[in-house]
Amino acid sequence: MSQTFDVLVIGGGPGGYIAAIRAAQLGFKVACAESNSYDDPKGDPRLGGACLNVGCIPSKALLASSEEFEKISHQASEHGIKVGAVSIDSKKMIARKDEIVTKMTSGIQFLFRKNKVTFLKGHATFSGKSSEGYQVNIDGKDAGVVSAKNVIIATGSKARHLPGISVDNVLICDNEGALKFDSIPKKLGVIGAGVIGLELGSVWRRVGSQVTVLEALPEFLGACDQGVAKEARKIFIKQGLTINTGIKIIDVKHDKKGVVVNYADNDGKPQKLECDRLIVSVGRVPNTEKLGLEAIGVNVDARGFIQIDDHTCETSASGIYAIGDVVRGPMLAHKAEDEGVLVAEILAGQKPHIDYNCIPWVIYTDPEIAWVGKTEQQLKERGIAYKSGQFPFAANGRALGMGRADGFVKVLADATTDEILGVHMIGPNASDLIAEAAVAMEFKASAEDIARICHPHPSLAEVVREAALAVDQRALNM
């Protein structure tokens, strides 16, 4: 195989496949190379990356299943609904998750065909540059050499593993193994109280596992607004999660009976956690090895990230771009997607931009946690004078009717101009509600702007408006 393309995208995850589709829409001849099969039955590479195959989508499917189980088991009676003994078939729950993933990966292949994007099944490695463009070796089903005038590196990330802890994805698992348990563990340990650890821990807690979370940092959810983090910890403990912060792992041992984690607690005292399975969730590292970057003069930093221009995502090599988890910024699928669109449009001569301060974050626990913009602690550190308004879901009729009244929305605005600087929330449907805040911040809206906009009643969105009103001590329902 020897083909020449205007744009070659390496990596078929959220950033990569979106970049490929957008570039094709703009009239470029495009190819996308992917080598990871993610346990495909036929062994073929699967589009969608870690997010679709072993991350965002499958975890949300399991979260939804576990939430339904908990509603029927523990919350139906509040609505006057009587049910008998409730059980869960974990294998069917996993099978449902797999069906959703397969359907969506097939959907991306359809979009490639629709937009005339060539899907190259194999691992891509740079070998140099010629008059035709960059030379890339494809090692796999579509073996050969392709040339491309422009290349977008979108190879994503993989789970970070701790030294001395052997992840076999059977007893000791990262996110991939934790998504395909063949049975419900009686006792589950989780190392890392980040997004993945809390989401997956909450899945198995709802369906019957006794879950203990061990976090090395002294603060719980340090990236969140601390008011939200404090509320989240209180709610999660009430739900049954055991959360230990400020710990230090000494060693991890396992045998056929299970796993033993020896650690020192926040006071330095030795402790032991015995569990049937252990999830290690301590962050992710970029997939930048084995790409042959040295052949084209692109270097990575000490942590493996590719250095880029912050505005264009172009590397030190002209025509080579990098997006998503392999570059600076949050490791979020929607951030990667926006960067993919940005690069494609730059190649077409357009003038796109991304305001990284307006990228929303979500933790899909129950209640959900979401935020956009600056936290109170960040504003204080930078010496920015601000006003704060907060409103609880407990004072919202829609939330009460749903039986989902935990949490609140907080709006932070500039003390002088009233421009919204950050919005933070913990509560029902926070992943959807945060979109209003992101739109407002993109348009440099003030808290007064949201306060003056008519919101539907009864709705959860009213809590956002009431929090904006509360910035000027004008909340109407509290």
Protein backbone atom coordinates (compact mmCIF):
# COMPACT_ATOMS: atom_id res chain seq x y z
CA MET A 1 0.00 0.00 0.00
CA SER A 2 1.35 3.41 -0.96
CA GLN A 3 -1.05 6.33 -0.74
CA THR A 4 -0.77 10.08 -0.32
CA PHE A 5 -3.16 12.11 1.82
CA ASP A 6 -3.66 15.76 2.63
CA VAL A 7 -4.20 14.88 6.28
CA LEU A 8 -3.29 11.75 8.21
CA VAL A 9 -4.67 11.38 11.72
CA ILE A 10 -2.85 8.94 13.99
CA GLY A 11 -5.31 7.66 16.58
CA GLY A 12 -9.03 6.99 16.25
CA GLY A 13 -10.22 8.26 19.63
CA PRO A 14 -12.52 11.26 20.25
CA GLY A 15 -9.93 13.79 19.16
CA GLY A 16 -8.69 11.75 16.22
CA TYR A 17 -11.90 10.63 14.59
CA ILE A 18 -13.50 14.05 15.01
CA ALA A 19 -10.42 15.70 13.48
CA ALA A 20 -10.59 13.28 10.55
CA ILE A 21 -14.30 13.88 9.93
CA ARG A 22 -13.99 17.67 10.15
CA ALA A 23 -10.98 17.71 7.83
CA ALA A 24 -12.91 15.59 5.32
CA GLN A 25 -15.89 17.95 5.56
CA LEU A 26 -13.54 20.77 4.62
CA GLY A 27 -12.48 19.02 1.41
CA PHE A 28 -9.23 17.32 2.41
CA LYS A 29 -8.25 13.78 1.45
CA VAL A 30 -8.04 12.18 4.88
CA ALA A 31 -6.92 8.93 6.49
CA CYS A 32 -7.04 7.82 10.11
CA ALA A 33 -4.77 5.09 11.50
CA GLU A 34 -5.70 3.02 14.56
CA SER A 35 -4.08 -0.13 15.93
CA ASN A 36 -5.77 -0.89 19.26
CA SER A 37 -8.34 -3.69 19.06
CA TYR A 38 -9.72 -3.30 22.62
CA ASP A 39 -10.56 -7.02 22.76
CA ASP A 40 -12.45 -6.95 19.44
CA PRO A 41 -13.73 -10.50 18.76
CA LYS A 42 -12.08 -10.49 15.33
CA GLY A 43 -8.93 -8.80 16.55
CA ASP A 44 -9.54 -5.78 14.31
CA PRO A 45 -8.62 -2.26 15.43
CA ARG A 46 -11.62 -0.42 16.89
CA LEU A 47 -12.35 3.27 16.52
CA GLY A 48 -13.38 5.41 19.46
CA GLY A 49 -10.21 5.18 21.52
CA ALA A 50 -10.05 4.51 25.24
CA CYS A 51 -13.00 6.84 25.86
CA LEU A 52 -15.49 4.84 23.84
CA ASN A 53 -14.06 1.36 24.33
CA VAL A 54 -12.75 1.26 27.91
CA GLY A 55 -13.58 4.64 29.44
CA CYS A 56 -16.26 7.31 29.16
CA ILE A 57 -19.03 5.39 27.41
CA PRO A 58 -18.82 1.93 29.02
CA SER A 59 -18.40 3.42 32.49
CA LYS A 60 -21.52 5.57 32.00
CA ALA A 61 -23.45 2.51 30.85
CA LEU A 62 -22.49 0.69 34.05
CA LEU A 63 -23.24 3.78 36.12
CA ALA A 64 -26.74 3.91 34.62
CA SER A 65 -27.35 0.21 35.32
CA SER A 66 -26.16 0.48 38.91
CA GLU A 67 -28.26 3.62 39.46
CA GLU A 68 -31.39 1.81 38.23
CA PHE A 69 -30.65 -1.07 40.59
CA GLU A 70 -30.25 1.28 43.55
CA LYS A 71 -33.43 3.19 42.70
CA ILE A 72 -35.49 0.02 42.59
CA SER A 73 -33.83 -1.51 45.65
CA HIS A 74 -33.78 1.47 47.98
CA GLN A 75 -35.71 4.42 46.60
CA ALA A 76 -38.87 3.03 45.00
CA SER A 77 -40.66 2.81 48.35
CA GLU A 78 -40.41 6.60 48.74
CA HIS A 79 -42.66 6.89 45.70
CA GLY A 80 -45.17 4.40 47.05
CA ILE A 81 -43.86 1.64 44.80
CA LYS A 82 -43.64 -1.77 46.41
CA VAL A 83 -41.17 -4.28 45.00
CA GLY A 84 -40.10 -7.74 46.07
CA ALA A 85 -36.59 -9.11 46.29
CA VAL A 86 -34.34 -7.40 43.75
CA SER A 87 -31.26 -9.02 42.23
CA ILE A 88 -28.79 -8.07 39.56
CA ASP A 89 -27.19 -10.13 36.81
CA SER A 90 -23.70 -8.61 36.59
CA LYS A 91 -22.86 -10.55 33.44
CA LYS A 92 -25.91 -9.16 31.64
CA MET A 93 -25.03 -5.69 32.90
CA ILE A 94 -21.55 -6.07 31.37
CA ALA A 95 -23.03 -7.50 28.15
CA ARG A 96 -25.35 -4.47 27.81
CA LYS A 97 -22.34 -2.19 28.20
CA ASP A 98 -20.45 -4.12 25.50
CA GLU A 99 -23.40 -3.89 23.10
CA ILE A 100 -23.50 -0.11 23.48
CA VAL A 101 -19.77 0.15 22.82
CA THR A 102 -19.97 -2.06 19.72
CA LYS A 103 -22.89 -0.05 18.35
CA MET A 104 -21.02 3.23 18.76
CA THR A 105 -17.72 2.01 17.30
CA SER A 106 -19.65 0.74 14.28
CA GLY A 107 -21.27 4.15 14.07
CA ILE A 108 -17.88 5.84 13.70
CA GLN A 109 -16.96 3.50 10.85
CA PHE A 110 -20.22 4.53 9.16
CA LEU A 111 -19.29 8.20 9.60
CA PHE A 112 -15.88 7.50 8.05
CA ARG A 113 -17.52 5.92 5.01
CA LYS A 114 -20.04 8.76 4.78
CA ASN A 115 -17.28 11.38 4.84
CA LYS A 116 -14.84 9.37 2.69
CA VAL A 117 -12.22 9.02 5.43
CA THR A 118 -9.83 6.12 4.80
CA PHE A 119 -9.54 3.87 7.87
CA LEU A 120 -6.02 2.44 8.10
CA LYS A 121 -5.92 -0.59 10.40
CA GLY A 122 -2.46 -0.69 11.90
CA HIS A 123 0.18 1.02 14.04
CA ALA A 124 1.59 4.20 12.54
CA THR A 125 5.30 5.11 12.86
CA PHE A 126 7.06 8.09 11.34
CA SER A 127 10.05 7.22 9.14
CA GLY A 128 10.95 10.62 7.72
CA LYS A 129 9.93 13.28 5.22
CA SER A 130 10.06 13.48 1.42
CA SER A 131 8.84 15.83 -1.28
CA GLU A 132 5.39 14.19 -1.00
CA GLY A 133 5.16 14.89 2.72
CA TYR A 134 5.76 12.96 5.89
CA GLN A 135 6.40 9.25 5.45
CA VAL A 136 4.52 6.98 7.84
CA ASN A 137 4.83 3.21 8.10
CA ILE A 138 1.60 1.33 8.81
CA ASP A 139 2.23 -1.99 10.55
CA GLY A 140 -0.89 -4.15 10.64
CA LYS A 141 -3.75 -5.28 8.43
CA ASP A 142 -3.22 -2.30 6.10
CA ALA A 143 0.59 -2.62 6.08
CA GLY A 144 2.54 -0.24 3.89
CA VAL A 145 3.84 3.30 3.68
CA VAL A 146 1.65 6.39 3.36
CA SER A 147 2.56 10.02 2.78
CA ALA A 148 0.78 13.02 4.22
CA LYS A 149 1.29 16.76 3.92
CA ASN A 150 -0.13 17.25 7.41
CA VAL A 151 -0.31 14.82 10.32
CA ILE A 152 -2.41 15.10 13.48
CA ILE A 153 -1.15 13.01 16.41
CA ALA A 154 -4.11 11.96 18.56
CA THR A 155 -2.90 8.78 20.22
CA GLY A 156 -4.52 9.43 23.61
CA SER A 157 -3.39 8.05 26.94
CA LYS A 158 -3.27 4.90 29.02
CA ALA A 159 -3.72 4.17 32.71
CA ARG A 160 -0.78 5.06 34.92
CA HIS A 161 0.43 2.13 37.02
CA LEU A 162 2.24 2.33 40.34
CA PRO A 163 5.71 0.79 40.76
CA GLY A 164 5.57 -2.54 42.57
CA ILE A 165 1.87 -3.10 41.85
CA SER A 166 1.32 -5.62 39.07
CA VAL A 167 -1.94 -4.93 37.22
CA ASP A 168 -3.34 -8.17 35.78
CA ASN A 169 -6.89 -6.84 35.18
CA VAL A 170 -8.26 -9.83 37.03
CA LEU A 171 -7.63 -9.20 40.74
CA ILE A 172 -5.71 -5.94 40.43
CA CYS A 173 -7.28 -3.78 37.75
CA ASP A 174 -7.00 -0.43 36.04
CA ASN A 175 -10.04 1.14 34.36
CA GLU A 176 -10.14 -1.57 31.67
CA GLY A 177 -10.35 -4.48 34.09
CA ALA A 178 -12.78 -2.67 36.37
CA LEU A 179 -15.27 -2.42 33.51
CA LYS A 180 -15.54 -6.16 32.98
CA PHE A 181 -15.70 -7.84 36.38
CA ASP A 182 -17.23 -11.30 35.93
CA SER A 183 -18.83 -11.09 39.37
CA ILE A 184 -19.60 -8.52 42.04
CA PRO A 185 -16.75 -8.34 44.56
CA LYS A 186 -17.81 -8.49 48.19
CA LYS A 187 -14.98 -6.14 49.16
CA LEU A 188 -13.48 -3.73 46.65
CA GLY A 189 -10.45 -1.51 47.18
CA VAL A 190 -9.75 1.59 45.08
CA ILE A 191 -6.40 3.37 45.05
CA GLY A 192 -7.02 6.93 43.88
CA ALA A 193 -9.98 9.19 44.63
CA GLY A 194 -10.02 10.86 41.24
CA VAL A 195 -12.71 10.84 38.58
CA ILE A 196 -12.24 7.24 37.43
CA GLY A 197 -11.78 5.81 40.91
CA LEU A 198 -14.90 7.46 42.29
CA GLU A 199 -17.06 6.62 39.28
CA LEU A 200 -16.09 2.95 39.14
CA GLY A 201 -16.12 2.63 42.92
CA SER A 202 -19.65 4.01 43.00
CA VAL A 203 -20.79 1.54 40.30
CA TRP A 204 -19.79 -1.50 42.34
CA ARG A 205 -20.87 0.04 45.65
CA ARG A 206 -24.44 0.39 44.36
CA VAL A 207 -24.69 -3.23 43.33
CA GLY A 208 -23.45 -4.59 46.64
CA SER A 209 -19.68 -4.16 47.06
CA GLN A 210 -18.17 -2.79 50.24
CA VAL A 211 -15.87 -0.12 48.79
CA THR A 212 -12.83 1.49 50.42
CA VAL A 213 -11.05 4.35 48.63
CA LEU A 214 -7.40 5.16 49.43
CA GLU A 215 -6.09 8.56 48.34
CA ALA A 216 -2.48 9.74 48.76
CA LEU A 217 -3.29 13.45 48.65
CA PRO A 218 -4.41 15.05 51.92
CA GLU A 219 -7.36 16.77 50.27
CA PHE A 220 -10.36 15.04 48.74
CA LEU A 221 -11.00 16.09 45.12
CA GLY A 222 -8.34 18.77 45.22
CA ALA A 223 -9.16 20.00 41.69
CA CYS A 224 -12.75 20.83 42.69
CA ASP A 225 -14.06 23.86 44.47
CA GLN A 226 -13.48 22.93 48.09
CA GLY A 227 -17.08 23.64 49.07
CA VAL A 228 -18.20 21.09 46.47
CA ALA A 229 -15.51 18.61 47.52
CA LYS A 230 -16.57 18.85 51.16
CA GLU A 231 -20.22 18.26 50.26
CA ALA A 232 -19.29 15.36 47.97
CA ARG A 233 -17.26 13.60 50.63
CA LYS A 234 -20.11 13.92 53.12
CA ILE A 235 -22.63 12.49 50.64
CA PHE A 236 -20.39 9.63 49.48
CA ILE A 237 -19.64 8.55 53.03
CA LYS A 238 -23.36 8.63 53.81
CA GLN A 239 -23.93 6.39 50.78
CA GLY A 240 -21.49 3.83 52.15
CA LEU A 241 -18.11 4.62 50.60
CA THR A 242 -15.14 4.53 52.99
CA ILE A 243 -12.70 7.29 52.03
CA ASN A 244 -9.20 7.57 53.50
CA THR A 245 -7.02 10.50 52.41
CA GLY A 246 -3.37 11.32 53.10
CA ILE A 247 -2.33 7.67 52.97
CA LYS A 248 0.93 6.10 51.75
CA ILE A 249 0.94 2.70 50.04
CA ILE A 250 3.56 0.37 51.52
CA ASP A 251 2.93 -2.72 49.41
CA VAL A 252 0.24 -4.71 47.65
CA LYS A 253 0.10 -8.50 47.77
CA HIS A 254 -2.36 -10.93 46.23
CA ASP A 255 -3.12 -14.61 45.98
CA LYS A 256 -6.09 -16.73 44.93
CA LYS A 257 -8.09 -15.48 47.92
CA GLY A 258 -7.78 -11.80 47.06
CA VAL A 259 -5.66 -8.70 47.58
CA VAL A 260 -4.01 -7.18 50.66
CA VAL A 261 -2.97 -3.52 50.66
CA ASN A 262 -0.61 -2.43 53.42
CA TYR A 263 -0.53 1.32 53.88
CA ALA A 264 0.17 4.08 56.37
CA ASP A 265 -2.77 6.29 57.30
CA ASN A 266 -2.84 10.07 57.61
CA ASP A 267 -1.18 9.80 61.04
CA GLY A 268 1.53 7.47 59.78
CA LYS A 269 0.08 4.41 61.49
CA PRO A 270 0.23 1.08 59.61
CA GLN A 271 -3.10 -0.16 58.26
CA LYS A 272 -4.26 -3.12 56.19
CA LEU A 273 -7.01 -3.36 53.60
CA GLU A 274 -8.16 -6.82 52.57
CA CYS A 275 -10.33 -6.99 49.46
CA ASP A 276 -11.49 -9.36 46.76
CA ARG A 277 -10.43 -7.00 43.99
CA LEU A 278 -8.44 -3.79 43.73
CA ILE A 279 -8.80 -0.92 41.25
CA VAL A 280 -5.69 1.21 40.69
CA SER A 281 -6.77 4.63 39.42
CA VAL A 282 -3.93 7.12 39.79
CA GLY A 283 -4.09 9.10 36.59
CA ARG A 284 -3.10 8.55 32.98
CA VAL A 285 0.04 8.95 30.87
CA PRO A 286 0.26 9.98 27.19
CA ASN A 287 0.73 7.40 24.43
CA THR A 288 3.73 8.95 22.69
CA GLU A 289 6.21 6.08 22.59
CA LYS A 290 6.84 3.95 19.47
CA LEU A 291 5.65 6.70 17.11
CA GLY A 292 9.08 7.43 15.62
CA LEU A 293 8.81 11.08 16.62
CA GLU A 294 12.60 11.42 16.61
CA ALA A 295 12.58 10.75 12.85
CA ILE A 296 10.75 14.03 12.23
CA GLY A 297 12.34 16.12 15.00
CA VAL A 298 9.42 16.14 17.45
CA ASN A 299 10.45 15.73 21.07
CA VAL A 300 8.46 14.93 24.20
CA ASP A 301 9.00 16.33 27.68
CA ALA A 302 10.01 14.34 30.76
CA ARG A 303 6.40 13.20 31.29
CA GLY A 304 5.92 12.10 27.69
CA PHE A 305 3.83 15.06 26.50
CA ILE A 306 4.35 16.60 23.06
CA GLN A 307 5.15 20.32 23.10
CA ILE A 308 2.84 22.44 20.91
CA ASP A 309 1.88 25.99 20.13
CA ASP A 310 -0.95 26.75 22.54
CA HIS A 311 -3.06 28.46 19.88
CA THR A 312 -2.61 26.16 16.86
CA CYS A 313 -1.58 22.79 18.40
CA GLU A 314 1.32 22.67 15.91
CA THR A 315 4.52 20.99 17.06
CA SER A 316 8.11 22.11 16.37
CA ALA A 317 7.84 20.25 13.02
CA SER A 318 5.86 22.22 10.43
CA GLY A 319 2.68 20.40 9.45
CA ILE A 320 2.74 18.08 12.46
CA TYR A 321 0.01 18.75 15.03
CA ALA A 322 -0.85 17.06 18.33
CA ILE A 323 -4.12 17.12 20.26
CA GLY A 324 -5.92 15.58 23.21
CA ASP A 325 -4.26 13.59 25.95
CA VAL A 326 -0.78 13.75 24.38
CA VAL A 327 -0.53 17.52 24.97
CA ARG A 328 -0.98 19.99 27.82
CA GLY A 329 -4.33 20.61 29.42
CA PRO A 330 -7.03 18.42 30.91
CA MET A 331 -7.37 14.84 29.69
CA LEU A 332 -10.99 15.23 28.61
CA ALA A 333 -12.62 13.75 25.50
CA HIS A 334 -14.49 16.95 24.66
CA LYS A 335 -11.27 18.98 24.92
CA ALA A 336 -9.64 16.59 22.45
CA GLU A 337 -12.63 16.88 20.09
CA ASP A 338 -12.48 20.67 20.09
CA GLU A 339 -8.74 20.60 19.42
CA GLY A 340 -9.33 18.20 16.51
CA VAL A 341 -11.86 20.58 14.97
CA LEU A 342 -9.52 23.53 15.61
CA VAL A 343 -6.59 21.93 13.75
CA ALA A 344 -8.75 20.86 10.78
CA GLU A 345 -10.14 24.38 10.45
CA ILE A 346 -6.69 25.97 10.76
CA LEU A 347 -5.51 23.75 7.89
CA ALA A 348 -8.45 25.09 5.86
CA GLY A 349 -7.38 28.69 6.52
CA GLN A 350 -10.03 29.45 9.11
CA LYS A 351 -9.46 31.26 12.43
CA PRO A 352 -10.90 29.03 15.20
CA HIS A 353 -10.06 29.36 18.87
CA ILE A 354 -10.52 27.48 22.13
CA ASP A 355 -11.00 29.17 25.49
CA TYR A 356 -9.59 26.52 27.80
CA ASN A 357 -11.05 28.33 30.80
CA CYS A 358 -14.51 27.51 29.45
CA ILE A 359 -14.04 23.75 29.14
CA PRO A 360 -16.42 22.02 31.59
CA TRP A 361 -15.44 19.15 33.87
CA VAL A 362 -17.79 16.41 35.07
CA ILE A 363 -17.55 13.57 37.57
CA TYR A 364 -20.42 11.14 36.92
CA THR A 365 -21.02 10.04 40.48
CA ASP A 366 -24.47 10.29 42.07
CA PRO A 367 -24.97 13.14 42.63
CA GLU A 368 -22.95 14.37 39.69
CA ILE A 369 -20.20 16.96 40.12
CA ALA A 370 -19.49 19.55 37.43
CA TRP A 371 -17.66 22.82 37.09
CA VAL A 372 -16.30 25.34 34.62
CA GLY A 373 -13.92 28.24 35.17
CA LYS A 374 -12.03 29.15 38.31
CA THR A 375 -12.55 27.82 41.83
CA GLU A 376 -12.68 30.04 44.89
CA GLN A 377 -9.22 28.89 45.96
CA GLN A 378 -7.79 29.81 42.53
CA LEU A 379 -9.34 33.27 42.67
CA LYS A 380 -7.94 33.84 46.15
CA GLU A 381 -4.47 32.69 45.09
CA ARG A 382 -4.54 35.15 42.17
CA GLY A 383 -5.84 38.02 44.29
CA ILE A 384 -9.00 38.42 42.22
CA ALA A 385 -11.88 40.05 44.07
CA TYR A 386 -15.10 38.11 43.55
CA LYS A 387 -18.69 37.66 44.70
CA SER A 388 -20.28 34.30 45.41
CA GLY A 389 -23.86 33.07 45.18
CA GLN A 390 -25.07 29.61 46.17
CA PHE A 391 -28.43 27.85 46.04
CA PRO A 392 -29.35 24.32 47.22
CA PHE A 393 -31.29 21.71 45.27
CA ALA A 394 -33.19 21.06 48.52
CA ALA A 395 -35.14 24.29 47.84
CA ASN A 396 -36.05 23.27 44.29
CA GLY A 397 -39.43 21.68 43.63
CA ARG A 398 -38.26 19.62 40.66
CA ALA A 399 -35.34 18.13 42.63
CA LEU A 400 -37.62 17.31 45.56
CA GLY A 401 -40.13 15.66 43.25
CA MET A 402 -37.35 13.53 41.78
CA GLY A 403 -36.09 12.59 45.23
CA ARG A 404 -32.71 14.08 44.25
CA ALA A 405 -32.34 17.07 46.56
CA ASP A 406 -28.67 16.72 47.60
CA GLY A 407 -26.16 19.36 46.57
CA PHE A 408 -26.08 22.94 45.34
CA VAL A 409 -24.96 25.32 42.59
CA LYS A 410 -22.37 28.03 43.23
CA VAL A 411 -21.73 31.00 40.92
CA LEU A 412 -18.57 33.11 41.24
CA ALA A 413 -18.51 36.54 39.63
CA ASP A 414 -16.04 39.41 39.40
CA ALA A 415 -16.64 41.83 42.28
CA THR A 416 -16.45 44.85 39.97
CA THR A 417 -17.70 43.79 36.54
CA ASP A 418 -20.01 40.92 37.60
CA GLU A 419 -18.52 38.73 34.82
CA ILE A 420 -18.94 35.04 35.65
CA LEU A 421 -15.57 33.58 36.65
CA GLY A 422 -16.65 30.08 37.61
CA VAL A 423 -19.67 27.88 38.21
CA HIS A 424 -19.52 24.81 40.44
CA MET A 425 -22.22 22.30 41.21
CA ILE A 426 -22.98 19.00 42.83
CA GLY A 427 -26.43 17.61 42.26
CA PRO A 428 -28.79 15.85 39.85
CA ASN A 429 -28.06 16.23 36.13
CA ALA A 430 -25.07 18.48 36.80
CA SER A 431 -23.44 17.19 33.60
CA ASP A 432 -26.26 18.81 31.60
CA LEU A 433 -26.75 21.90 33.75
CA ILE A 434 -23.08 22.92 33.46
CA ALA A 435 -23.55 23.53 29.72
CA GLU A 436 -25.52 26.71 30.45
CA ALA A 437 -22.63 28.00 32.52
CA ALA A 438 -20.09 27.15 29.79
CA VAL A 439 -22.15 29.01 27.18
CA ALA A 440 -22.50 32.00 29.50
CA MET A 441 -18.77 32.16 30.15
CA GLU A 442 -17.91 31.82 26.44
CA PHE A 443 -20.01 34.92 25.81
CA LYS A 444 -18.49 36.74 28.82
CA ALA A 445 -21.87 36.89 30.52
CA SER A 446 -22.43 38.40 33.94
CA ALA A 447 -24.25 36.77 36.83
CA GLU A 448 -26.96 39.35 36.19
CA ASP A 449 -27.40 38.01 32.64
CA ILE A 450 -28.31 34.54 33.92
CA ALA A 451 -30.43 36.06 36.68
CA ARG A 452 -32.47 38.01 34.09
CA ILE A 453 -33.08 35.05 31.76
CA CYS A 454 -36.43 33.29 32.22
CA HIS A 455 -35.90 29.63 33.15
CA PRO A 456 -38.64 26.97 32.89
CA HIS A 457 -40.56 26.06 36.04
CA PRO A 458 -40.36 23.58 37.57
CA SER A 459 -36.88 22.61 36.45
CA LEU A 460 -33.45 21.86 37.87
CA ALA A 461 -32.11 24.76 35.77
CA GLU A 462 -33.85 27.17 38.15
CA VAL A 463 -31.14 26.36 40.70
CA VAL A 464 -28.54 27.86 38.35
CA ARG A 465 -30.61 31.03 38.04
CA GLU A 466 -31.18 31.25 41.79
CA ALA A 467 -27.42 30.88 42.41
CA ALA A 468 -26.82 33.74 39.95
CA LEU A 469 -29.40 35.84 41.79
CA ALA A 470 -27.71 34.95 45.07
CA VAL A 471 -24.48 36.59 43.84
CA ASP A 472 -26.22 39.91 44.65
CA GLN A 473 -28.18 38.53 47.62
CA ARG A 474 -31.38 38.36 45.54
CA ALA A 475 -32.31 34.66 45.60
CA LEU A 476 -36.09 34.48 45.37
CA ASN A 477 -36.80 31.06 46.84
CA MET A 478 -34.61 31.00 49.90
